[in-house]
Amino acid sequence: MTDSRNSDPRTPRGGLPDGCDVVTVPARQGLEAVDILRRGEAGDAVGPVLHEDGGCTLGFLVPPGTAAGWDVPGSTCRRTDGRGLPLAPASGAPAPGPPGEGPDWLLPPEDTDLATDPAALREALGQAQRLLDVADGCR
């Protein structure tokens, strides 16, 4: 019997990788994408999300290796080894916030089950941008 989770690009709760990748997008598009992902069929398609740059951008934690093939216009994906970004809480303790005046959690690790699936994120970002284009055209 095979375990279908072996091919799942997302990482189970409590097992976030030490070195995950982070997809950064403008906050407006990112907030729309979070809503789209949360309304999706699975309902749990969005993993931990950071407010970055004083709230101007959002960072979606995605599985390691995503940066190598990321090509979504208007976003960046960077590799990280996790340094300075505590992801997993220590045995039952709440997840510590990112340090000092840096990023802050929109969706902290303890409130999500999985790292965001890159394919689902790509689709949600495209849909979010289309929604924003229509909304901006109505002004």
N, C-alpha and C. Protein backbone atom coordinates (compact mmCIF):
# COMPACT_ATOMS: atom_id res chain seq x y z
N MET A 1 0.84 -1.17 0.00
CA MET A 1 0.00 0.00 0.00
C MET A 1 0.89 1.24 0.00
N THR A 2 0.58 2.21 -0.85
CA THR A 2 1.40 3.41 -0.91
C THR A 2 0.75 4.53 -0.13
N ASP A 3 1.56 5.38 0.40
CA ASP A 3 1.08 6.54 1.15
C ASP A 3 1.04 7.73 0.21
N SER A 4 -0.15 8.27 -0.02
CA SER A 4 -0.29 9.38 -0.97
C SER A 4 0.42 10.64 -0.47
N ARG A 5 0.73 10.71 0.81
CA ARG A 5 1.39 11.89 1.34
C ARG A 5 2.84 11.98 0.89
N ASN A 6 3.40 10.86 0.40
CA ASN A 6 4.78 10.89 -0.06
C ASN A 6 4.97 11.86 -1.21
N SER A 7 3.95 12.05 -2.02
CA SER A 7 4.07 12.96 -3.15
C SER A 7 3.49 14.33 -2.85
N ASP A 8 2.97 14.53 -1.64
CA ASP A 8 2.38 15.81 -1.26
C ASP A 8 3.50 16.82 -1.05
N PRO A 9 3.48 17.97 -1.78
CA PRO A 9 4.55 18.95 -1.64
C PRO A 9 4.47 19.74 -0.35
N ARG A 10 3.39 19.57 0.40
CA ARG A 10 3.23 20.30 1.64
C ARG A 10 3.80 19.48 2.79
N THR A 11 4.06 20.13 3.90
CA THR A 11 4.70 19.49 5.03
C THR A 11 3.73 19.44 6.21
N PRO A 12 3.59 18.30 6.91
CA PRO A 12 2.63 18.20 8.00
C PRO A 12 2.94 19.13 9.16
N ARG A 13 1.90 19.47 9.95
CA ARG A 13 2.04 20.30 11.14
C ARG A 13 3.13 19.74 12.04
N GLY A 14 3.90 20.64 12.63
CA GLY A 14 4.97 20.23 13.51
C GLY A 14 6.18 19.73 12.76
N GLY A 15 6.08 19.60 11.44
CA GLY A 15 7.18 19.10 10.66
C GLY A 15 7.64 20.09 9.62
N LEU A 16 7.39 21.38 9.84
CA LEU A 16 7.86 22.37 8.88
C LEU A 16 9.36 22.24 8.73
N PRO A 17 9.85 22.36 7.52
CA PRO A 17 11.27 22.16 7.28
C PRO A 17 12.10 23.26 7.91
N ASP A 18 13.33 22.91 8.29
CA ASP A 18 14.25 23.92 8.81
C ASP A 18 14.53 24.97 7.75
N GLY A 19 14.62 24.56 6.51
CA GLY A 19 14.89 25.47 5.42
C GLY A 19 13.75 25.47 4.43
N CYS A 20 12.76 26.30 4.66
CA CYS A 20 11.66 26.39 3.71
C CYS A 20 11.93 27.56 2.77
N ASP A 21 11.18 27.63 1.69
CA ASP A 21 11.26 28.77 0.79
C ASP A 21 10.13 29.73 1.13
N VAL A 22 10.27 30.98 0.75
CA VAL A 22 9.26 32.00 1.05
C VAL A 22 8.90 32.73 -0.25
N VAL A 23 7.61 32.70 -0.61
CA VAL A 23 7.10 33.42 -1.77
C VAL A 23 6.59 34.76 -1.25
N THR A 24 7.13 35.86 -1.78
CA THR A 24 6.76 37.20 -1.36
C THR A 24 5.95 37.88 -2.44
N VAL A 25 4.82 38.46 -2.04
CA VAL A 25 3.91 39.14 -2.96
C VAL A 25 3.44 40.44 -2.32
N PRO A 26 2.93 41.40 -3.12
CA PRO A 26 2.33 42.59 -2.54
C PRO A 26 1.19 42.20 -1.61
N ALA A 27 1.03 42.94 -0.51
CA ALA A 27 0.06 42.58 0.52
C ALA A 27 -1.36 42.47 -0.02
N ARG A 28 -1.76 43.37 -0.88
CA ARG A 28 -3.13 43.36 -1.39
C ARG A 28 -3.42 42.06 -2.16
N GLN A 29 -2.52 41.68 -3.04
CA GLN A 29 -2.68 40.44 -3.79
C GLN A 29 -2.59 39.23 -2.85
N GLY A 30 -1.67 39.29 -1.90
CA GLY A 30 -1.49 38.19 -0.96
C GLY A 30 -2.71 37.95 -0.09
N LEU A 31 -3.34 39.03 0.38
CA LEU A 31 -4.54 38.89 1.20
C LEU A 31 -5.68 38.26 0.41
N GLU A 32 -5.81 38.67 -0.85
CA GLU A 32 -6.82 38.05 -1.71
C GLU A 32 -6.51 36.57 -1.89
N ALA A 33 -5.24 36.25 -2.11
CA ALA A 33 -4.85 34.84 -2.30
C ALA A 33 -5.13 34.02 -1.05
N VAL A 34 -4.87 34.58 0.14
CA VAL A 34 -5.17 33.87 1.39
C VAL A 34 -6.66 33.55 1.44
N ASP A 35 -7.51 34.53 1.12
CA ASP A 35 -8.96 34.29 1.11
C ASP A 35 -9.34 33.20 0.12
N ILE A 36 -8.76 33.25 -1.07
CA ILE A 36 -9.06 32.24 -2.10
C ILE A 36 -8.64 30.86 -1.62
N LEU A 37 -7.46 30.75 -1.05
CA LEU A 37 -6.97 29.45 -0.58
C LEU A 37 -7.82 28.92 0.57
N ARG A 38 -8.25 29.79 1.45
CA ARG A 38 -9.07 29.35 2.59
C ARG A 38 -10.47 28.93 2.16
N ARG A 39 -10.96 29.48 1.07
CA ARG A 39 -12.29 29.10 0.56
C ARG A 39 -12.23 27.88 -0.35
N GLY A 40 -11.05 27.43 -0.67
CA GLY A 40 -10.88 26.31 -1.60
C GLY A 40 -11.48 25.02 -1.10
N GLU A 41 -11.48 24.01 -1.96
CA GLU A 41 -12.07 22.72 -1.63
C GLU A 41 -11.48 22.11 -0.37
N ALA A 42 -10.16 22.15 -0.26
CA ALA A 42 -9.51 21.53 0.90
C ALA A 42 -9.69 22.37 2.15
N GLY A 43 -9.78 23.69 1.98
CA GLY A 43 -9.94 24.58 3.13
C GLY A 43 -8.68 24.76 3.95
N ASP A 44 -7.66 23.95 3.69
CA ASP A 44 -6.43 24.04 4.45
C ASP A 44 -5.23 24.22 3.53
N ALA A 45 -5.48 24.79 2.38
CA ALA A 45 -4.43 24.89 1.37
C ALA A 45 -3.40 25.96 1.67
N VAL A 46 -3.63 26.79 2.68
CA VAL A 46 -2.68 27.85 3.00
C VAL A 46 -1.95 27.51 4.29
N GLY A 47 -0.63 27.64 4.23
CA GLY A 47 0.20 27.40 5.40
C GLY A 47 0.54 28.71 6.09
N PRO A 48 1.61 28.73 6.87
CA PRO A 48 2.01 29.95 7.57
C PRO A 48 2.28 31.10 6.59
N VAL A 49 1.86 32.30 7.00
CA VAL A 49 2.03 33.50 6.17
C VAL A 49 2.56 34.62 7.06
N LEU A 50 3.55 35.34 6.53
CA LEU A 50 4.18 36.47 7.24
C LEU A 50 3.76 37.80 6.64
N HIS A 51 3.59 38.81 7.52
CA HIS A 51 3.55 40.20 7.06
C HIS A 51 5.01 40.63 6.99
N GLU A 52 5.45 41.14 5.87
CA GLU A 52 6.84 41.58 5.74
C GLU A 52 6.87 43.05 5.36
N ASP A 53 8.03 43.65 5.46
CA ASP A 53 8.24 45.04 5.02
C ASP A 53 7.20 45.99 5.58
N GLY A 54 6.95 45.91 6.88
CA GLY A 54 5.99 46.81 7.50
C GLY A 54 4.57 46.60 7.01
N GLY A 55 4.25 45.42 6.55
CA GLY A 55 2.90 45.11 6.10
C GLY A 55 2.67 45.34 4.62
N CYS A 56 3.71 45.74 3.89
CA CYS A 56 3.57 46.01 2.45
C CYS A 56 3.57 44.74 1.61
N THR A 57 4.13 43.66 2.15
CA THR A 57 4.17 42.40 1.43
C THR A 57 3.77 41.26 2.37
N LEU A 58 3.39 40.14 1.77
CA LEU A 58 3.13 38.92 2.51
C LEU A 58 4.11 37.86 2.04
N GLY A 59 4.53 37.01 2.95
CA GLY A 59 5.42 35.91 2.63
C GLY A 59 4.75 34.59 2.95
N PHE A 60 4.55 33.75 1.93
CA PHE A 60 3.95 32.43 2.09
C PHE A 60 5.07 31.41 2.25
N LEU A 61 5.04 30.63 3.33
CA LEU A 61 6.02 29.57 3.50
C LEU A 61 5.63 28.40 2.61
N VAL A 62 6.56 27.97 1.79
CA VAL A 62 6.35 26.88 0.84
C VAL A 62 7.48 25.86 1.04
N PRO A 63 7.31 24.65 0.55
CA PRO A 63 8.33 23.63 0.74
C PRO A 63 9.67 24.02 0.10
N PRO A 64 10.77 23.51 0.66
CA PRO A 64 12.08 23.77 0.08
C PRO A 64 12.14 23.28 -1.35
N GLY A 65 12.85 24.03 -2.18
CA GLY A 65 13.00 23.67 -3.59
C GLY A 65 12.05 24.43 -4.49
N THR A 66 11.04 25.09 -3.92
CA THR A 66 10.07 25.84 -4.71
C THR A 66 10.74 26.97 -5.48
N ALA A 67 11.71 27.62 -4.87
CA ALA A 67 12.37 28.79 -5.50
C ALA A 67 12.99 28.43 -6.85
N ALA A 68 13.45 27.20 -6.98
CA ALA A 68 14.14 26.80 -8.22
C ALA A 68 13.24 26.91 -9.45
N GLY A 69 11.94 26.73 -9.29
CA GLY A 69 11.06 26.77 -10.45
C GLY A 69 9.99 27.85 -10.39
N TRP A 70 10.13 28.80 -9.47
CA TRP A 70 9.10 29.82 -9.30
C TRP A 70 9.21 30.87 -10.39
N ASP A 71 8.09 31.13 -11.08
CA ASP A 71 8.12 32.07 -12.21
C ASP A 71 6.86 32.93 -12.29
N VAL A 72 6.25 33.23 -11.16
CA VAL A 72 5.00 33.99 -11.16
C VAL A 72 5.34 35.48 -11.18
N PRO A 73 4.90 36.20 -12.23
CA PRO A 73 5.18 37.64 -12.31
C PRO A 73 4.64 38.40 -11.11
N GLY A 74 5.39 39.38 -10.66
CA GLY A 74 4.96 40.20 -9.54
C GLY A 74 5.25 39.60 -8.18
N SER A 75 5.91 38.45 -8.16
CA SER A 75 6.26 37.80 -6.90
C SER A 75 7.70 37.32 -6.97
N THR A 76 8.25 37.04 -5.81
CA THR A 76 9.58 36.44 -5.75
C THR A 76 9.52 35.24 -4.83
N CYS A 77 10.41 34.31 -5.04
CA CYS A 77 10.52 33.17 -4.14
C CYS A 77 11.99 33.03 -3.80
N ARG A 78 12.27 33.05 -2.50
CA ARG A 78 13.66 32.95 -2.07
C ARG A 78 13.85 31.74 -1.18
N ARG A 79 15.02 31.17 -1.31
CA ARG A 79 15.39 30.05 -0.45
C ARG A 79 15.81 30.62 0.89
N THR A 80 15.52 29.86 1.93
CA THR A 80 15.95 30.25 3.27
C THR A 80 16.32 28.99 4.04
N ASP A 81 17.25 29.14 4.94
CA ASP A 81 17.61 27.99 5.77
C ASP A 81 16.87 28.04 7.10
N GLY A 82 15.96 29.03 7.25
CA GLY A 82 15.17 29.12 8.46
C GLY A 82 15.81 29.94 9.56
N ARG A 83 17.04 30.38 9.38
CA ARG A 83 17.71 31.15 10.43
C ARG A 83 16.95 32.44 10.70
N GLY A 84 16.71 32.72 11.97
CA GLY A 84 16.00 33.93 12.36
C GLY A 84 14.51 33.84 12.11
N LEU A 85 14.02 32.68 11.69
CA LEU A 85 12.61 32.51 11.40
C LEU A 85 12.13 31.26 12.13
N PRO A 86 11.83 31.37 13.45
CA PRO A 86 11.41 30.20 14.20
C PRO A 86 10.04 29.75 13.72
N LEU A 87 9.94 28.49 13.29
CA LEU A 87 8.69 28.01 12.70
C LEU A 87 7.92 27.08 13.61
N ALA A 88 8.60 26.18 14.26
CA ALA A 88 7.89 25.17 15.05
C ALA A 88 7.96 25.52 16.52
N PRO A 89 6.81 25.54 17.21
CA PRO A 89 6.83 25.82 18.64
C PRO A 89 7.46 24.67 19.41
N ALA A 90 8.05 24.97 20.55
CA ALA A 90 8.66 23.95 21.40
C ALA A 90 7.58 23.29 22.24
N SER A 91 7.40 22.02 22.09
CA SER A 91 6.44 21.18 22.82
C SER A 91 5.29 21.92 23.48
N GLY A 92 4.30 22.26 22.67
CA GLY A 92 3.07 22.86 23.19
C GLY A 92 3.11 24.35 23.38
N ALA A 93 4.27 24.96 23.32
CA ALA A 93 4.36 26.41 23.49
C ALA A 93 3.88 27.09 22.22
N PRO A 94 3.33 28.31 22.34
CA PRO A 94 2.93 29.01 21.12
C PRO A 94 4.15 29.34 20.28
N ALA A 95 3.94 29.43 18.98
CA ALA A 95 5.05 29.75 18.08
C ALA A 95 5.58 31.13 18.40
N PRO A 96 6.89 31.26 18.54
CA PRO A 96 7.45 32.58 18.80
C PRO A 96 7.31 33.45 17.56
N GLY A 97 7.09 34.70 17.76
CA GLY A 97 7.00 35.62 16.63
C GLY A 97 8.38 35.86 16.06
N PRO A 98 8.43 36.27 14.82
CA PRO A 98 9.71 36.65 14.25
C PRO A 98 10.34 37.77 15.07
N PRO A 99 11.64 37.90 15.06
CA PRO A 99 12.32 38.82 15.95
C PRO A 99 12.05 40.29 15.68
N GLY A 100 12.05 41.06 16.79
CA GLY A 100 12.05 42.51 16.76
C GLY A 100 11.10 43.19 15.80
N GLU A 101 11.65 44.08 15.01
CA GLU A 101 10.84 44.90 14.13
C GLU A 101 10.73 44.31 12.74
N GLY A 102 11.05 43.07 12.60
CA GLY A 102 10.96 42.41 11.31
C GLY A 102 9.53 41.98 11.01
N PRO A 103 9.38 40.86 10.34
CA PRO A 103 8.06 40.39 9.95
C PRO A 103 7.23 39.94 11.15
N ASP A 104 5.93 39.82 10.92
CA ASP A 104 4.99 39.36 11.93
C ASP A 104 4.09 38.33 11.27
N TRP A 105 3.53 37.42 12.02
CA TRP A 105 2.69 36.37 11.45
C TRP A 105 1.30 36.89 11.12
N LEU A 106 0.82 36.64 9.91
CA LEU A 106 -0.59 36.79 9.57
C LEU A 106 -1.29 35.49 9.95
N LEU A 107 -0.71 34.37 9.53
CA LEU A 107 -1.17 33.04 9.92
C LEU A 107 0.02 32.31 10.53
N PRO A 108 0.09 32.22 11.86
CA PRO A 108 1.23 31.57 12.50
C PRO A 108 1.22 30.06 12.28
N PRO A 109 2.37 29.43 12.43
CA PRO A 109 2.47 27.99 12.20
C PRO A 109 1.48 27.15 13.00
N GLU A 110 1.18 27.55 14.23
CA GLU A 110 0.27 26.72 15.03
C GLU A 110 -1.18 26.83 14.55
N ASP A 111 -1.50 27.81 13.72
CA ASP A 111 -2.86 27.96 13.21
C ASP A 111 -3.05 27.30 11.84
N THR A 112 -2.03 26.71 11.30
CA THR A 112 -2.11 26.09 9.98
C THR A 112 -1.58 24.67 10.06
N ASP A 113 -2.03 23.83 9.17
CA ASP A 113 -1.59 22.44 9.17
C ASP A 113 -0.37 22.21 8.30
N LEU A 114 -0.25 22.95 7.21
CA LEU A 114 0.73 22.60 6.19
C LEU A 114 1.40 23.83 5.60
N ALA A 115 2.57 23.64 5.04
CA ALA A 115 3.17 24.69 4.21
C ALA A 115 2.29 24.81 2.97
N THR A 116 2.24 25.99 2.39
CA THR A 116 1.36 26.22 1.25
C THR A 116 1.84 25.44 0.03
N ASP A 117 0.91 24.77 -0.62
CA ASP A 117 1.19 24.03 -1.84
C ASP A 117 1.53 25.04 -2.94
N PRO A 118 2.71 24.98 -3.55
CA PRO A 118 3.10 25.96 -4.57
C PRO A 118 2.14 26.03 -5.76
N ALA A 119 1.60 24.89 -6.18
CA ALA A 119 0.67 24.91 -7.32
C ALA A 119 -0.62 25.63 -6.95
N ALA A 120 -1.13 25.38 -5.75
CA ALA A 120 -2.35 26.06 -5.29
C ALA A 120 -2.08 27.55 -5.12
N LEU A 121 -0.90 27.90 -4.62
CA LEU A 121 -0.55 29.31 -4.43
C LEU A 121 -0.46 30.02 -5.78
N ARG A 122 0.18 29.39 -6.73
CA ARG A 122 0.31 29.97 -8.08
C ARG A 122 -1.08 30.28 -8.66
N GLU A 123 -1.99 29.33 -8.55
CA GLU A 123 -3.34 29.51 -9.07
C GLU A 123 -4.08 30.62 -8.31
N ALA A 124 -3.96 30.63 -6.99
CA ALA A 124 -4.63 31.65 -6.17
C ALA A 124 -4.08 33.05 -6.46
N LEU A 125 -2.77 33.16 -6.66
CA LEU A 125 -2.19 34.47 -6.97
C LEU A 125 -2.68 34.99 -8.32
N GLY A 126 -2.80 34.10 -9.29
CA GLY A 126 -3.33 34.50 -10.60
C GLY A 126 -4.77 34.97 -10.49
N GLN A 127 -5.58 34.22 -9.76
CA GLN A 127 -6.98 34.59 -9.58
C GLN A 127 -7.08 35.91 -8.81
N ALA A 128 -6.25 36.08 -7.77
CA ALA A 128 -6.26 37.31 -6.98
C ALA A 128 -5.91 38.51 -7.86
N GLN A 129 -4.91 38.36 -8.71
CA GLN A 129 -4.51 39.48 -9.57
C GLN A 129 -5.63 39.84 -10.55
N ARG A 130 -6.30 38.83 -11.07
CA ARG A 130 -7.43 39.11 -11.98
C ARG A 130 -8.54 39.85 -11.25
N LEU A 131 -8.85 39.46 -10.03
CA LEU A 131 -9.87 40.15 -9.23
C LEU A 131 -9.48 41.60 -8.97
N LEU A 132 -8.22 41.82 -8.63
CA LEU A 132 -7.75 43.18 -8.36
C LEU A 132 -7.77 44.03 -9.62
N ASP A 133 -7.42 43.45 -10.76
CA ASP A 133 -7.46 44.18 -12.03
C ASP A 133 -8.88 44.64 -12.33
N VAL A 134 -9.87 43.76 -12.11
CA VAL A 134 -11.26 44.12 -12.35
C VAL A 134 -11.69 45.21 -11.37
N ALA A 135 -11.36 45.05 -10.10
CA ALA A 135 -11.75 46.04 -9.08
C ALA A 135 -11.11 47.40 -9.38
N ASP A 136 -9.87 47.41 -9.79
CA ASP A 136 -9.19 48.67 -10.10
C ASP A 136 -9.77 49.32 -11.35
N GLY A 137 -10.29 48.52 -12.28
CA GLY A 137 -10.87 49.05 -13.50
C GLY A 137 -12.25 49.67 -13.28
N CYS A 138 -12.85 49.39 -12.12
CA CYS A 138 -14.19 49.92 -11.83
C CYS A 138 -14.15 51.28 -11.14
N ARG A 139 -12.99 51.79 -10.89
CA ARG A 139 -12.86 53.07 -10.17
C ARG A 139 -13.09 54.25 -11.08
